[in-house]
Amino acid sequence: MPLVRSHEQFEFERFEGVYFWMREGANHILCKVSHEDLRDRSARDGDDASLTDTFMRHRHRIEKIASENYDVADKPIDLVLVHGDDLTPLPM
């Protein structure tokens, strides 16, 4: 079952990344994308946007990746990570 956005708020942790909540039915799932992965995405976009701006610009895609990662997990997980290679795939 796909995850959906739980609420608009997100937590920008200075040394870790951006945490955001999604849900599956009544279950709330914590998700995270790292600062490094957001910097890589911003560099690929060719701009000098803040990490918060980059997160907001790509939030829909980040949430879609989190949902896909949650769906393929073998067991329930407490934290869903959005990896840089999913957010910023290498060009072919």
N, C-alpha and C. Protein backbone atom coordinates (compact mmCIF):
# COMPACT_ATOMS: atom_id res chain seq x y z
N MET A 1 0.85 -1.18 0.00
CA MET A 1 0.00 0.00 0.00
C MET A 1 0.90 1.24 0.00
N PRO A 2 0.65 2.19 -0.88
CA PRO A 2 1.51 3.38 -0.95
C PRO A 2 1.34 4.27 0.29
N LEU A 3 2.44 4.91 0.64
CA LEU A 3 2.41 5.89 1.72
C LEU A 3 1.86 7.20 1.18
N VAL A 4 1.24 7.97 2.07
CA VAL A 4 0.76 9.30 1.72
C VAL A 4 1.31 10.29 2.74
N ARG A 5 1.39 11.55 2.34
CA ARG A 5 1.90 12.60 3.23
C ARG A 5 1.03 12.67 4.48
N SER A 6 1.67 12.66 5.62
CA SER A 6 0.94 12.74 6.88
C SER A 6 0.55 14.18 7.19
N HIS A 7 1.48 15.11 7.02
CA HIS A 7 1.22 16.53 7.21
C HIS A 7 2.30 17.34 6.51
N GLU A 8 2.09 18.63 6.41
CA GLU A 8 2.99 19.49 5.65
C GLU A 8 4.32 19.74 6.35
N GLN A 9 4.36 19.68 7.66
CA GLN A 9 5.57 20.00 8.40
C GLN A 9 6.66 18.97 8.15
N PHE A 10 7.89 19.46 8.26
CA PHE A 10 9.06 18.58 8.19
C PHE A 10 10.10 19.15 9.12
N GLU A 11 11.05 18.32 9.53
CA GLU A 11 12.10 18.73 10.45
C GLU A 11 13.42 18.79 9.72
N PHE A 12 14.05 19.95 9.74
CA PHE A 12 15.35 20.13 9.12
C PHE A 12 16.39 20.01 10.23
N GLU A 13 17.05 18.86 10.31
CA GLU A 13 18.06 18.62 11.33
C GLU A 13 19.42 19.05 10.78
N ARG A 14 20.07 19.91 11.49
CA ARG A 14 21.29 20.58 11.00
C ARG A 14 22.36 19.62 10.50
N PHE A 15 22.62 18.55 11.20
CA PHE A 15 23.72 17.67 10.83
C PHE A 15 23.28 16.35 10.19
N GLU A 16 21.98 16.15 10.03
CA GLU A 16 21.51 14.85 9.57
C GLU A 16 20.77 14.88 8.24
N GLY A 17 19.78 15.72 8.16
CA GLY A 17 18.96 15.74 6.96
C GLY A 17 17.58 16.26 7.25
N VAL A 18 16.66 15.96 6.35
CA VAL A 18 15.28 16.39 6.50
C VAL A 18 14.44 15.16 6.85
N TYR A 19 13.73 15.27 7.96
CA TYR A 19 12.81 14.23 8.39
C TYR A 19 11.39 14.67 8.06
N PHE A 20 10.57 13.73 7.60
CA PHE A 20 9.18 14.04 7.29
C PHE A 20 8.34 12.81 7.56
N TRP A 21 7.07 13.04 7.86
CA TRP A 21 6.16 11.94 8.21
C TRP A 21 5.24 11.61 7.05
N MET A 22 5.08 10.30 6.86
CA MET A 22 4.09 9.80 5.91
C MET A 22 3.25 8.78 6.66
N ARG A 23 2.21 8.30 6.03
CA ARG A 23 1.39 7.31 6.72
C ARG A 23 0.86 6.26 5.76
N GLU A 24 0.60 5.13 6.37
CA GLU A 24 -0.08 4.02 5.70
C GLU A 24 -1.28 3.72 6.56
N GLY A 25 -2.45 4.14 6.12
CA GLY A 25 -3.63 4.02 6.97
C GLY A 25 -3.43 4.84 8.23
N ALA A 26 -3.56 4.20 9.40
CA ALA A 26 -3.38 4.89 10.68
C ALA A 26 -1.93 4.86 11.15
N ASN A 27 -1.08 4.13 10.47
CA ASN A 27 0.33 4.01 10.88
C ASN A 27 1.15 5.16 10.32
N HIS A 28 1.84 5.87 11.20
CA HIS A 28 2.72 6.96 10.80
C HIS A 28 4.13 6.43 10.63
N ILE A 29 4.77 6.82 9.53
CA ILE A 29 6.09 6.32 9.16
C ILE A 29 7.04 7.51 9.04
N LEU A 30 8.15 7.47 9.76
CA LEU A 30 9.16 8.52 9.69
C LEU A 30 10.06 8.26 8.49
N CYS A 31 10.34 9.30 7.73
CA CYS A 31 11.18 9.20 6.53
C CYS A 31 12.27 10.25 6.60
N LYS A 32 13.36 10.01 5.86
CA LYS A 32 14.49 10.94 5.89
C LYS A 32 15.20 10.98 4.55
N VAL A 33 15.64 12.19 4.18
CA VAL A 33 16.57 12.37 3.07
C VAL A 33 17.74 13.17 3.63
N SER A 34 18.96 12.77 3.32
CA SER A 34 20.14 13.40 3.91
C SER A 34 20.46 14.74 3.24
N HIS A 35 21.21 15.56 3.98
CA HIS A 35 21.68 16.83 3.42
C HIS A 35 22.56 16.58 2.20
N GLU A 36 23.42 15.59 2.28
CA GLU A 36 24.32 15.28 1.17
C GLU A 36 23.52 14.96 -0.10
N ASP A 37 22.48 14.17 0.04
CA ASP A 37 21.66 13.82 -1.12
C ASP A 37 20.92 15.04 -1.67
N LEU A 38 20.48 15.93 -0.79
CA LEU A 38 19.84 17.16 -1.26
C LEU A 38 20.84 18.08 -1.95
N ARG A 39 22.08 18.16 -1.43
CA ARG A 39 23.11 18.98 -2.09
C ARG A 39 23.41 18.44 -3.49
N ASP A 40 23.50 17.10 -3.60
CA ASP A 40 23.75 16.49 -4.91
C ASP A 40 22.61 16.82 -5.88
N ARG A 41 21.37 16.76 -5.40
CA ARG A 41 20.22 17.07 -6.25
C ARG A 41 20.26 18.53 -6.69
N SER A 42 20.59 19.43 -5.76
CA SER A 42 20.66 20.85 -6.07
C SER A 42 21.75 21.12 -7.11
N ALA A 43 22.91 20.47 -6.94
CA ALA A 43 24.00 20.64 -7.90
C ALA A 43 23.57 20.14 -9.27
N ARG A 44 22.88 19.03 -9.33
CA ARG A 44 22.40 18.48 -10.61
C ARG A 44 21.40 19.43 -11.25
N ASP A 45 20.60 20.11 -10.42
CA ASP A 45 19.63 21.07 -10.94
C ASP A 45 20.32 22.31 -11.51
N GLY A 46 21.60 22.50 -11.12
CA GLY A 46 22.35 23.63 -11.64
C GLY A 46 22.04 24.94 -10.96
N ASP A 47 21.59 24.88 -9.73
CA ASP A 47 21.32 26.12 -9.02
C ASP A 47 22.00 26.09 -7.66
N ASP A 48 21.90 27.18 -6.95
CA ASP A 48 22.53 27.31 -5.65
C ASP A 48 21.43 27.44 -4.59
N ALA A 49 20.39 26.65 -4.71
CA ALA A 49 19.25 26.73 -3.81
C ALA A 49 19.62 26.19 -2.43
N SER A 50 18.91 26.65 -1.43
CA SER A 50 19.11 26.11 -0.08
C SER A 50 18.60 24.67 -0.06
N LEU A 51 19.03 23.94 0.94
CA LEU A 51 18.59 22.54 1.06
C LEU A 51 17.08 22.48 1.30
N THR A 52 16.55 23.42 2.06
CA THR A 52 15.10 23.46 2.28
C THR A 52 14.36 23.70 0.97
N ASP A 53 14.85 24.64 0.16
CA ASP A 53 14.22 24.90 -1.14
C ASP A 53 14.29 23.67 -2.04
N THR A 54 15.43 22.99 -2.02
CA THR A 54 15.58 21.79 -2.84
C THR A 54 14.62 20.71 -2.38
N PHE A 55 14.49 20.54 -1.06
CA PHE A 55 13.53 19.57 -0.53
C PHE A 55 12.11 19.91 -0.99
N MET A 56 11.72 21.17 -0.85
CA MET A 56 10.37 21.56 -1.23
C MET A 56 10.13 21.39 -2.73
N ARG A 57 11.11 21.74 -3.55
CA ARG A 57 10.96 21.62 -5.00
C ARG A 57 10.80 20.16 -5.41
N HIS A 58 11.47 19.24 -4.72
CA HIS A 58 11.44 17.83 -5.09
C HIS A 58 10.63 16.98 -4.11
N ARG A 59 9.85 17.61 -3.26
CA ARG A 59 9.16 16.88 -2.21
C ARG A 59 8.27 15.77 -2.75
N HIS A 60 7.51 16.04 -3.78
CA HIS A 60 6.62 15.00 -4.33
C HIS A 60 7.44 13.77 -4.74
N ARG A 61 8.53 14.00 -5.44
CA ARG A 61 9.38 12.88 -5.88
C ARG A 61 10.02 12.17 -4.69
N ILE A 62 10.48 12.93 -3.70
CA ILE A 62 11.09 12.35 -2.50
C ILE A 62 10.07 11.47 -1.78
N GLU A 63 8.85 11.94 -1.66
CA GLU A 63 7.81 11.14 -1.01
C GLU A 63 7.47 9.89 -1.82
N LYS A 64 7.48 10.00 -3.12
CA LYS A 64 7.22 8.83 -3.98
C LYS A 64 8.31 7.79 -3.79
N ILE A 65 9.56 8.22 -3.73
CA ILE A 65 10.68 7.30 -3.52
C ILE A 65 10.55 6.64 -2.14
N ALA A 66 10.21 7.43 -1.11
CA ALA A 66 10.03 6.87 0.24
C ALA A 66 8.94 5.80 0.23
N SER A 67 7.85 6.07 -0.45
CA SER A 67 6.76 5.10 -0.53
C SER A 67 7.21 3.81 -1.23
N GLU A 68 7.95 3.96 -2.32
CA GLU A 68 8.45 2.78 -3.04
C GLU A 68 9.42 1.99 -2.17
N ASN A 69 10.30 2.67 -1.44
CA ASN A 69 11.25 1.99 -0.56
C ASN A 69 10.53 1.26 0.58
N TYR A 70 9.47 1.86 1.08
CA TYR A 70 8.67 1.23 2.13
C TYR A 70 7.98 -0.03 1.59
N ASP A 71 7.45 0.06 0.40
CA ASP A 71 6.72 -1.06 -0.20
C ASP A 71 7.60 -2.28 -0.44
N VAL A 72 8.87 -2.07 -0.76
CA VAL A 72 9.75 -3.22 -1.06
C VAL A 72 10.44 -3.79 0.18
N ALA A 73 10.26 -3.15 1.34
CA ALA A 73 10.89 -3.65 2.57
C ALA A 73 10.31 -5.01 2.93
N ASP A 74 11.18 -5.91 3.39
CA ASP A 74 10.75 -7.26 3.76
C ASP A 74 9.94 -7.30 5.05
N LYS A 75 10.19 -6.33 5.91
CA LYS A 75 9.53 -6.29 7.22
C LYS A 75 9.22 -4.85 7.57
N PRO A 76 8.39 -4.63 8.57
CA PRO A 76 8.11 -3.25 8.98
C PRO A 76 9.39 -2.53 9.39
N ILE A 77 9.51 -1.28 8.99
CA ILE A 77 10.71 -0.51 9.32
C ILE A 77 10.31 0.78 10.03
N ASP A 78 11.20 1.24 10.91
CA ASP A 78 10.92 2.43 11.70
C ASP A 78 11.29 3.72 10.98
N LEU A 79 12.24 3.63 10.05
CA LEU A 79 12.71 4.82 9.34
C LEU A 79 12.94 4.46 7.88
N VAL A 80 12.29 5.19 6.99
CA VAL A 80 12.45 4.97 5.55
C VAL A 80 13.44 6.01 5.04
N LEU A 81 14.50 5.54 4.39
CA LEU A 81 15.52 6.44 3.85
C LEU A 81 15.31 6.64 2.36
N VAL A 82 15.49 7.88 1.93
CA VAL A 82 15.50 8.20 0.51
C VAL A 82 16.96 8.35 0.12
N HIS A 83 17.43 7.48 -0.74
CA HIS A 83 18.84 7.44 -1.10
C HIS A 83 19.13 8.35 -2.29
N GLY A 84 20.35 8.87 -2.31
CA GLY A 84 20.77 9.78 -3.35
C GLY A 84 20.71 9.20 -4.74
N ASP A 85 21.04 7.90 -4.88
CA ASP A 85 21.02 7.31 -6.22
C ASP A 85 19.59 7.19 -6.77
N ASP A 86 18.60 7.23 -5.90
CA ASP A 86 17.21 7.26 -6.34
C ASP A 86 16.78 8.70 -6.68
N LEU A 87 17.24 9.64 -5.85
CA LEU A 87 16.86 11.04 -6.04
C LEU A 87 17.62 11.70 -7.18
N THR A 88 18.88 11.31 -7.34
CA THR A 88 19.73 11.90 -8.39
C THR A 88 20.43 10.76 -9.12
N PRO A 89 19.68 10.04 -9.97
CA PRO A 89 20.31 8.93 -10.69
C PRO A 89 21.40 9.41 -11.63
N LEU A 90 22.39 8.57 -11.82
CA LEU A 90 23.47 8.90 -12.74
C LEU A 90 22.94 8.92 -14.17
N PRO A 91 23.43 9.84 -14.99
CA PRO A 91 22.97 9.88 -16.39
C PRO A 91 23.43 8.64 -17.13
N MET A 92 22.62 8.23 -18.09
CA MET A 92 22.98 7.03 -18.88
C MET A 92 23.62 7.44 -20.17
